[in-house]
Amino acid sequence: MRPSIRCRLIALVRAQWAGLLALFLVIAGGTAYAANTISSSDIINGEVKTADISDTDGVRSADVRNDTLSGGGLTDADLRNGSVGNTEIADGGVRSPEVQSESLTGGDVAESTLGQVPSALVGGLGRQGAELAVCDPETSEFVFCKNSQLFDVPSGGARALVLARLSGASNSGSGRCRLGTSSIGVMPDTDQIVSGLENTTLVGITDPLPPGPTDFAVDCSETGGEMIYGELAVSAVLISPS
């Protein structure tokens, strides 16, 4: 047989075997891919499922590009207990909306980071006025008799405990006395009758006071006969606004 005919026969046999091998691969396993030839464009969106990811060597932090996970993608069920530490949380990343109400206790807060509680400013802040010798209203209308000025109620406001003492300086007269403020007016439930030489103490707690200066006063009237008041003194101490 001539060489040219032999070469044609060999080429024909090789072509037949290549065709049979390709047919076998299609029937046995479908399309074959060489290593490192599958890219994102080869995968249909949404087709990679949990079952396709290895439990031991699946997706790890090194496989996730920075800033690619957005809010809502991860929930607490996706995080292993104890897996998130201080280094995984950005400075300023946890703010009041992320903290459950009443979940923090004293042990969770460094005392050195706390400022002064506003209500603490009112503790012990008060005034006591000098005693007034005589107050003679000469009318059935209430008139100002005595005050104790309390300068500058702190920002945020406060209430005040107010105490006043006085005595009648007339044998036969009578009248009424009450507590009041320059900022919110008369203090309710402090109106008392004073008769003759009676000693009287007035006590009351104000409604919340606005910030700024406030005077605390005793107002008295004359309701029966001539009534004069003596030994008047007023004291006031700020307390919390609620």
C-alpha atoms as a PDB file:
ATOM      1  CA  MET A   1       0.000   0.000   0.000  1.00  0.00           C
ATOM      2  CA  ARG A   2       1.326   3.390  -0.926  1.00  0.00           C
ATOM      3  CA  PRO A   3       2.246   5.814   1.936  1.00  0.00           C
ATOM      4  CA  SER A   4      -0.332   8.418   0.942  1.00  0.00           C
ATOM      5  CA  ILE A   5      -3.181   5.923   1.208  1.00  0.00           C
ATOM      6  CA  ARG A   6      -1.898   4.705   4.599  1.00  0.00           C
ATOM      7  CA  CYS A   7      -1.831   8.295   5.966  1.00  0.00           C
ATOM      8  CA  ARG A   8      -5.399   8.902   4.879  1.00  0.00           C
ATOM      9  CA  LEU A   9      -6.579   5.740   6.629  1.00  0.00           C
ATOM     10  CA  ILE A  10      -4.784   6.664   9.872  1.00  0.00           C
ATOM     11  CA  ALA A  11      -6.334  10.177   9.825  1.00  0.00           C
ATOM     12  CA  LEU A  12      -9.792   8.721   9.214  1.00  0.00           C
ATOM     13  CA  VAL A  13      -9.461   6.296  12.170  1.00  0.00           C
ATOM     14  CA  ARG A  14      -8.271   9.079  14.495  1.00  0.00           C
ATOM     15  CA  ALA A  15     -11.204  11.292  13.522  1.00  0.00           C
ATOM     16  CA  GLN A  16     -13.651   8.479  14.227  1.00  0.00           C
ATOM     17  CA  TRP A  17     -12.133   7.842  17.677  1.00  0.00           C
ATOM     18  CA  ALA A  18     -12.232  11.552  18.546  1.00  0.00           C
ATOM     19  CA  GLY A  19     -15.908  11.707  17.611  1.00  0.00           C
ATOM     20  CA  LEU A  20     -16.697   8.623  19.681  1.00  0.00           C
ATOM     21  CA  LEU A  21     -14.789  10.077  22.692  1.00  0.00           C
ATOM     22  CA  ALA A  22     -16.674  13.384  22.488  1.00  0.00           C
ATOM     23  CA  LEU A  23     -19.999  11.519  22.293  1.00  0.00           C
ATOM     24  CA  PHE A  24     -19.016   9.450  25.346  1.00  0.00           C
ATOM     25  CA  LEU A  25     -18.165  12.546  27.393  1.00  0.00           C
ATOM     26  CA  VAL A  26     -21.503  14.195  26.545  1.00  0.00           C
ATOM     27  CA  ILE A  27     -23.469  11.066  27.468  1.00  0.00           C
ATOM     28  CA  ALA A  28     -21.490  10.349  30.641  1.00  0.00           C
ATOM     29  CA  GLY A  29     -21.102  13.748  32.280  1.00  0.00           C
ATOM     30  CA  GLY A  30     -22.189  16.685  30.170  1.00  0.00           C
ATOM     31  CA  THR A  31     -19.900  19.620  29.507  1.00  0.00           C
ATOM     32  CA  ALA A  32     -16.392  19.346  31.018  1.00  0.00           C
ATOM     33  CA  TYR A  33     -14.526  22.412  32.355  1.00  0.00           C
ATOM     34  CA  ALA A  34     -10.843  22.840  32.869  1.00  0.00           C
ATOM     35  CA  ALA A  35      -9.616  24.024  36.267  1.00  0.00           C
ATOM     36  CA  ASN A  36     -10.098  27.757  37.012  1.00  0.00           C
ATOM     37  CA  THR A  37     -12.224  28.361  33.911  1.00  0.00           C
ATOM     38  CA  ILE A  38     -15.627  28.970  35.652  1.00  0.00           C
ATOM     39  CA  SER A  39     -16.368  32.662  36.305  1.00  0.00           C
ATOM     40  CA  SER A  40     -19.329  34.649  37.636  1.00  0.00           C
ATOM     41  CA  SER A  41     -20.773  34.945  34.132  1.00  0.00           C
ATOM     42  CA  ASP A  42     -21.012  31.119  33.917  1.00  0.00           C
ATOM     43  CA  ILE A  43     -23.370  30.941  36.943  1.00  0.00           C
ATOM     44  CA  ILE A  44     -27.066  31.788  36.701  1.00  0.00           C
ATOM     45  CA  ASN A  45     -28.040  34.431  39.275  1.00  0.00           C
ATOM     46  CA  GLY A  46     -29.465  32.868  42.436  1.00  0.00           C
ATOM     47  CA  GLU A  47     -28.400  29.347  41.515  1.00  0.00           C
ATOM     48  CA  VAL A  48     -25.699  28.818  44.169  1.00  0.00           C
ATOM     49  CA  LYS A  49     -27.524  27.408  47.230  1.00  0.00           C
ATOM     50  CA  THR A  50     -26.530  26.601  50.788  1.00  0.00           C
ATOM     51  CA  ALA A  51     -26.196  22.912  49.854  1.00  0.00           C
ATOM     52  CA  ASP A  52     -23.527  23.855  47.269  1.00  0.00           C
ATOM     53  CA  ILE A  53     -21.244  25.413  49.914  1.00  0.00           C
ATOM     54  CA  SER A  54     -18.963  23.232  52.023  1.00  0.00           C
ATOM     55  CA  ASP A  55     -19.753  23.131  55.745  1.00  0.00           C
ATOM     56  CA  THR A  56     -16.056  23.097  56.634  1.00  0.00           C
ATOM     57  CA  ASP A  57     -14.327  25.063  53.880  1.00  0.00           C
ATOM     58  CA  GLY A  58     -17.144  27.241  52.631  1.00  0.00           C
ATOM     59  CA  VAL A  59     -17.311  31.026  52.418  1.00  0.00           C
ATOM     60  CA  ARG A  60     -15.002  32.685  54.955  1.00  0.00           C
ATOM     61  CA  SER A  61     -14.137  36.269  55.798  1.00  0.00           C
ATOM     62  CA  ALA A  62     -11.233  36.205  53.308  1.00  0.00           C
ATOM     63  CA  ASP A  63     -13.721  35.343  50.528  1.00  0.00           C
ATOM     64  CA  VAL A  64     -15.865  38.438  51.166  1.00  0.00           C
ATOM     65  CA  ARG A  65     -14.729  41.767  49.723  1.00  0.00           C
ATOM     66  CA  ASN A  66     -14.707  44.712  52.129  1.00  0.00           C
ATOM     67  CA  ASP A  67     -17.894  46.818  52.143  1.00  0.00           C
ATOM     68  CA  THR A  68     -19.869  44.280  50.062  1.00  0.00           C
ATOM     69  CA  LEU A  69     -22.284  43.198  52.826  1.00  0.00           C
ATOM     70  CA  SER A  70     -25.016  45.752  53.483  1.00  0.00           C
ATOM     71  CA  GLY A  71     -27.610  46.236  56.202  1.00  0.00           C
ATOM     72  CA  GLY A  72     -30.376  43.656  56.362  1.00  0.00           C
ATOM     73  CA  GLY A  73     -28.260  40.928  54.779  1.00  0.00           C
ATOM     74  CA  LEU A  74     -27.072  39.433  58.057  1.00  0.00           C
ATOM     75  CA  THR A  75     -29.133  38.694  61.146  1.00  0.00           C
ATOM     76  CA  ASP A  76     -28.144  37.354  64.561  1.00  0.00           C
ATOM     77  CA  ALA A  77     -28.956  33.816  63.318  1.00  0.00           C
ATOM     78  CA  ASP A  78     -26.116  34.149  60.771  1.00  0.00           C
ATOM     79  CA  LEU A  79     -23.470  34.914  63.413  1.00  0.00           C
ATOM     80  CA  ARG A  80     -21.826  32.327  65.628  1.00  0.00           C
ATOM     81  CA  ASN A  81     -21.970  33.137  69.348  1.00  0.00           C
ATOM     82  CA  GLY A  82     -18.812  34.938  70.395  1.00  0.00           C
ATOM     83  CA  SER A  83     -17.654  35.461  66.791  1.00  0.00           C
ATOM     84  CA  VAL A  84     -18.042  39.259  66.801  1.00  0.00           C
ATOM     85  CA  GLY A  85     -15.520  41.042  68.999  1.00  0.00           C
ATOM     86  CA  ASN A  86     -14.337  44.591  69.555  1.00  0.00           C
ATOM     87  CA  THR A  87     -12.124  44.541  66.456  1.00  0.00           C
ATOM     88  CA  GLU A  88     -15.115  43.773  64.197  1.00  0.00           C
ATOM     89  CA  ILE A  89     -17.053  46.841  65.371  1.00  0.00           C
ATOM     90  CA  ALA A  90     -16.079  50.234  63.978  1.00  0.00           C
ATOM     91  CA  ASP A  91     -15.566  53.111  66.402  1.00  0.00           C
ATOM     92  CA  GLY A  92     -18.942  54.773  66.790  1.00  0.00           C
ATOM     93  CA  GLY A  93     -20.686  51.847  65.076  1.00  0.00           C
ATOM     94  CA  VAL A  94     -22.951  51.048  68.035  1.00  0.00           C
ATOM     95  CA  ARG A  95     -25.255  53.924  68.936  1.00  0.00           C
ATOM     96  CA  SER A  96     -28.380  54.348  71.015  1.00  0.00           C
ATOM     97  CA  PRO A  97     -30.761  52.871  68.334  1.00  0.00           C
ATOM     98  CA  GLU A  98     -28.702  49.631  68.394  1.00  0.00           C
ATOM     99  CA  VAL A  99     -28.946  49.268  72.186  1.00  0.00           C
ATOM    100  CA  GLN A 100     -32.073  47.714  73.672  1.00  0.00           C
ATOM    101  CA  SER A 101     -33.768  49.953  76.221  1.00  0.00           C
ATOM    102  CA  GLU A 102     -32.764  49.236  79.828  1.00  0.00           C
ATOM    103  CA  SER A 103     -30.268  46.565  78.708  1.00  0.00           C
ATOM    104  CA  LEU A 104     -27.191  48.343  80.080  1.00  0.00           C
ATOM    105  CA  THR A 105     -26.398  48.212  83.794  1.00  0.00           C
ATOM    106  CA  GLY A 106     -23.921  50.100  85.940  1.00  0.00           C
ATOM    107  CA  GLY A 107     -21.233  47.505  85.291  1.00  0.00           C
ATOM    108  CA  ASP A 108     -21.443  48.215  81.521  1.00  0.00           C
ATOM    109  CA  VAL A 109     -20.615  51.918  81.863  1.00  0.00           C
ATOM    110  CA  ALA A 110     -17.220  53.371  82.789  1.00  0.00           C
ATOM    111  CA  GLU A 111     -17.801  55.970  85.500  1.00  0.00           C
ATOM    112  CA  SER A 112     -15.091  58.235  84.089  1.00  0.00           C
ATOM    113  CA  THR A 113     -17.163  58.667  80.903  1.00  0.00           C
ATOM    114  CA  LEU A 114     -20.179  60.046  82.731  1.00  0.00           C
ATOM    115  CA  GLY A 115     -20.821  63.735  83.194  1.00  0.00           C
ATOM    116  CA  GLN A 116     -22.841  65.184  86.007  1.00  0.00           C
ATOM    117  CA  VAL A 117     -26.525  64.238  86.027  1.00  0.00           C
ATOM    118  CA  PRO A 118     -28.509  67.494  85.582  1.00  0.00           C
ATOM    119  CA  SER A 119     -30.753  66.764  88.562  1.00  0.00           C
ATOM    120  CA  ALA A 120     -27.651  66.476  90.758  1.00  0.00           C
ATOM    121  CA  LEU A 121     -27.135  70.214  90.327  1.00  0.00           C
ATOM    122  CA  VAL A 122     -30.197  70.958  92.438  1.00  0.00           C
ATOM    123  CA  GLY A 123     -29.170  68.944  95.505  1.00  0.00           C
ATOM    124  CA  GLY A 124     -28.716  71.307  98.438  1.00  0.00           C
ATOM    125  CA  LEU A 125     -29.223  74.466  96.379  1.00  0.00           C
ATOM    126  CA  GLY A 126     -31.389  76.837  98.382  1.00  0.00           C
ATOM    127  CA  ARG A 127     -31.810  80.156 100.133  1.00  0.00           C
ATOM    128  CA  GLN A 128     -33.047  81.398 103.480  1.00  0.00           C
ATOM    129  CA  GLY A 129     -34.071  84.999 103.864  1.00  0.00           C
ATOM    130  CA  ALA A 130     -33.513  87.178 106.910  1.00  0.00           C
ATOM    131  CA  GLU A 131     -36.373  87.392 109.378  1.00  0.00           C
ATOM    132  CA  LEU A 132     -38.903  90.180 108.834  1.00  0.00           C
ATOM    133  CA  ALA A 133     -39.999  91.918 112.032  1.00  0.00           C
ATOM    134  CA  VAL A 134     -43.494  93.116 111.054  1.00  0.00           C
ATOM    135  CA  CYS A 135     -45.932  92.827 108.114  1.00  0.00           C
ATOM    136  CA  ASP A 136     -49.199  94.800 108.266  1.00  0.00           C
ATOM    137  CA  PRO A 137     -51.420  94.071 105.223  1.00  0.00           C
ATOM    138  CA  GLU A 138     -54.292  96.451 106.225  1.00  0.00           C
ATOM    139  CA  THR A 139     -56.513  94.857 103.540  1.00  0.00           C
ATOM    140  CA  SER A 140     -58.436  91.679 102.822  1.00  0.00           C
ATOM    141  CA  GLU A 141     -56.407  91.265  99.618  1.00  0.00           C
ATOM    142  CA  PHE A 142     -53.163  89.300  99.769  1.00  0.00           C
ATOM    143  CA  VAL A 143     -50.075  91.492  99.881  1.00  0.00           C
ATOM    144  CA  PHE A 144     -46.403  90.624  99.645  1.00  0.00           C
ATOM    145  CA  CYS A 145     -44.849  90.267 103.101  1.00  0.00           C
ATOM    146  CA  LYS A 146     -41.568  88.386 102.747  1.00  0.00           C
ATOM    147  CA  ASN A 147     -39.400  86.596 100.187  1.00  0.00           C
ATOM    148  CA  SER A 148     -36.279  84.491  99.884  1.00  0.00           C
ATOM    149  CA  GLN A 149     -34.642  84.832  96.484  1.00  0.00           C
ATOM    150  CA  LEU A 150     -33.292  81.659  94.878  1.00  0.00           C
ATOM    151  CA  PHE A 151     -31.071  82.694  91.982  1.00  0.00           C
ATOM    152  CA  ASP A 152     -30.853  80.691  88.781  1.00  0.00           C
ATOM    153  CA  VAL A 153     -32.869  77.497  88.677  1.00  0.00           C
ATOM    154  CA  PRO A 154     -30.633  75.134  86.586  1.00  0.00           C
ATOM    155  CA  SER A 155     -31.358  74.329  82.960  1.00  0.00           C
ATOM    156  CA  GLY A 156     -33.984  71.629  82.706  1.00  0.00           C
ATOM    157  CA  GLY A 157     -35.951  73.162  85.562  1.00  0.00           C
ATOM    158  CA  ALA A 158     -36.589  71.961  89.092  1.00  0.00           C
ATOM    159  CA  ARG A 159     -39.206  71.916  91.811  1.00  0.00           C
ATOM    160  CA  ALA A 160     -38.724  73.534  95.187  1.00  0.00           C
ATOM    161  CA  LEU A 161     -39.567  72.675  98.776  1.00  0.00           C
ATOM    162  CA  VAL A 162     -40.627  75.943 100.395  1.00  0.00           C
ATOM    163  CA  LEU A 163     -41.066  76.536 104.143  1.00  0.00           C
ATOM    164  CA  ALA A 164     -42.164  79.707 105.902  1.00  0.00           C
ATOM    165  CA  ARG A 165     -42.785  80.538 109.551  1.00  0.00           C
ATOM    166  CA  LEU A 166     -44.609  83.494 111.014  1.00  0.00           C
ATOM    167  CA  SER A 167     -46.588  84.529 114.062  1.00  0.00           C
ATOM    168  CA  GLY A 168     -49.572  86.734 114.714  1.00  0.00           C
ATOM    169  CA  ALA A 169     -48.819  90.030 116.470  1.00  0.00           C
ATOM    170  CA  SER A 170     -52.379  91.051 117.294  1.00  0.00           C
ATOM    171  CA  ASN A 171     -54.590  89.927 120.159  1.00  0.00           C
ATOM    172  CA  SER A 172     -57.923  90.192 118.378  1.00  0.00           C
ATOM    173  CA  GLY A 173     -57.264  90.143 114.611  1.00  0.00           C
ATOM    174  CA  SER A 174     -57.155  87.309 112.059  1.00  0.00           C
ATOM    175  CA  GLY A 175     -56.021  86.808 108.501  1.00  0.00           C
ATOM    176  CA  ARG A 176     -54.699  84.389 105.908  1.00  0.00           C
ATOM    177  CA  CYS A 177     -51.210  83.645 104.549  1.00  0.00           C
ATOM    178  CA  ARG A 178     -49.971  81.598 101.592  1.00  0.00           C
ATOM    179  CA  LEU A 179     -46.814  80.785  99.629  1.00  0.00           C
ATOM    180  CA  GLY A 180     -46.082  82.029  96.135  1.00  0.00           C
ATOM    181  CA  THR A 181     -43.380  82.270  93.473  1.00  0.00           C
ATOM    182  CA  SER A 182     -42.380  84.969  91.015  1.00  0.00           C
ATOM    183  CA  SER A 183     -42.169  82.511  88.098  1.00  0.00           C
ATOM    184  CA  ILE A 184     -45.304  80.330  88.327  1.00  0.00           C
ATOM    185  CA  GLY A 185     -47.469  82.240  90.831  1.00  0.00           C
ATOM    186  CA  VAL A 186     -49.326  81.042  93.911  1.00  0.00           C
ATOM    187  CA  MET A 187     -48.480  77.636  95.353  1.00  0.00           C
ATOM    188  CA  PRO A 188     -51.754  75.698  95.756  1.00  0.00           C
ATOM    189  CA  ASP A 189     -52.845  74.179  99.068  1.00  0.00           C
ATOM    190  CA  THR A 190     -50.654  76.496 101.158  1.00  0.00           C
ATOM    191  CA  ASP A 191     -53.342  79.012 102.228  1.00  0.00           C
ATOM    192  CA  GLN A 192     -53.772  78.996 106.041  1.00  0.00           C
ATOM    193  CA  ILE A 193     -55.751  81.012 108.587  1.00  0.00           C
ATOM    194  CA  VAL A 194     -53.712  82.853 111.235  1.00  0.00           C
ATOM    195  CA  SER A 195     -55.423  84.161 114.351  1.00  0.00           C
ATOM    196  CA  GLY A 196     -54.270  86.291 117.310  1.00  0.00           C
ATOM    197  CA  LEU A 197     -50.773  85.482 118.527  1.00  0.00           C
ATOM    198  CA  GLU A 198     -50.699  82.110 116.811  1.00  0.00           C
ATOM    199  CA  ASN A 199     -47.431  80.693 115.413  1.00  0.00           C
ATOM    200  CA  THR A 200     -47.852  79.222 111.926  1.00  0.00           C
ATOM    201  CA  THR A 201     -45.678  77.173 109.552  1.00  0.00           C
ATOM    202  CA  LEU A 202     -46.409  77.036 105.825  1.00  0.00           C
ATOM    203  CA  VAL A 203     -44.991  74.151 103.749  1.00  0.00           C
ATOM    204  CA  GLY A 204     -45.377  73.441 100.056  1.00  0.00           C
ATOM    205  CA  ILE A 205     -43.733  71.902  96.969  1.00  0.00           C
ATOM    206  CA  THR A 206     -43.912  73.831  93.719  1.00  0.00           C
ATOM    207  CA  ASP A 207     -44.806  72.542  90.293  1.00  0.00           C
ATOM    208  CA  PRO A 208     -41.763  72.353  87.964  1.00  0.00           C
ATOM    209  CA  LEU A 209     -40.051  75.740  87.793  1.00  0.00           C
ATOM    210  CA  PRO A 210     -38.526  77.160  84.611  1.00  0.00           C
ATOM    211  CA  PRO A 211     -34.779  77.846  84.452  1.00  0.00           C
ATOM    212  CA  GLY A 212     -33.665  81.227  85.737  1.00  0.00           C
ATOM    213  CA  PRO A 213     -34.144  83.379  88.857  1.00  0.00           C
ATOM    214  CA  THR A 214     -37.174  82.770  91.076  1.00  0.00           C
ATOM    215  CA  ASP A 215     -38.425  84.478  94.250  1.00  0.00           C
ATOM    216  CA  PHE A 216     -40.300  82.493  96.907  1.00  0.00           C
ATOM    217  CA  ALA A 217     -42.653  84.639  98.969  1.00  0.00           C
ATOM    218  CA  VAL A 218     -45.179  84.759 101.778  1.00  0.00           C
ATOM    219  CA  ASP A 219     -48.321  86.758 101.021  1.00  0.00           C
ATOM    220  CA  CYS A 220     -50.740  87.653 103.832  1.00  0.00           C
ATOM    221  CA  SER A 221     -54.098  89.389 104.252  1.00  0.00           C
ATOM    222  CA  GLU A 222     -56.249  90.841 107.057  1.00  0.00           C
ATOM    223  CA  THR A 223     -59.724  89.299 107.289  1.00  0.00           C
ATOM    224  CA  GLY A 224     -61.011  90.121 110.784  1.00  0.00           C
ATOM    225  CA  GLY A 225     -60.018  93.142 112.879  1.00  0.00           C
ATOM    226  CA  GLU A 226     -56.511  94.483 112.765  1.00  0.00           C
ATOM    227  CA  MET A 227     -53.986  91.734 111.999  1.00  0.00           C
ATOM    228  CA  ILE A 228     -50.239  92.197 112.092  1.00  0.00           C
ATOM    229  CA  TYR A 229     -47.688  89.458 111.353  1.00  0.00           C
ATOM    230  CA  GLY A 230     -44.207  89.182 112.802  1.00  0.00           C
ATOM    231  CA  GLU A 231     -41.140  86.956 112.819  1.00  0.00           C
ATOM    232  CA  LEU A 232     -41.562  86.007 109.149  1.00  0.00           C
ATOM    233  CA  ALA A 233     -38.872  83.893 107.468  1.00  0.00           C
ATOM    234  CA  VAL A 234     -38.860  81.934 104.208  1.00  0.00           C
ATOM    235  CA  SER A 235     -36.560  79.091 103.122  1.00  0.00           C
ATOM    236  CA  ALA A 236     -36.494  77.205  99.814  1.00  0.00           C
ATOM    237  CA  VAL A 237     -34.529  74.166  98.621  1.00  0.00           C
ATOM    238  CA  LEU A 238     -34.501  72.879  95.050  1.00  0.00           C
ATOM    239  CA  ILE A 239     -35.367  69.252  94.366  1.00  0.00           C
ATOM    240  CA  SER A 240     -35.591  67.197  91.177  1.00  0.00           C
ATOM    241  CA  PRO A 241     -37.992  68.362  88.460  1.00  0.00           C
ATOM    242  CA  SER A 242     -40.109  65.197  88.573  1.00  0.00           C
END
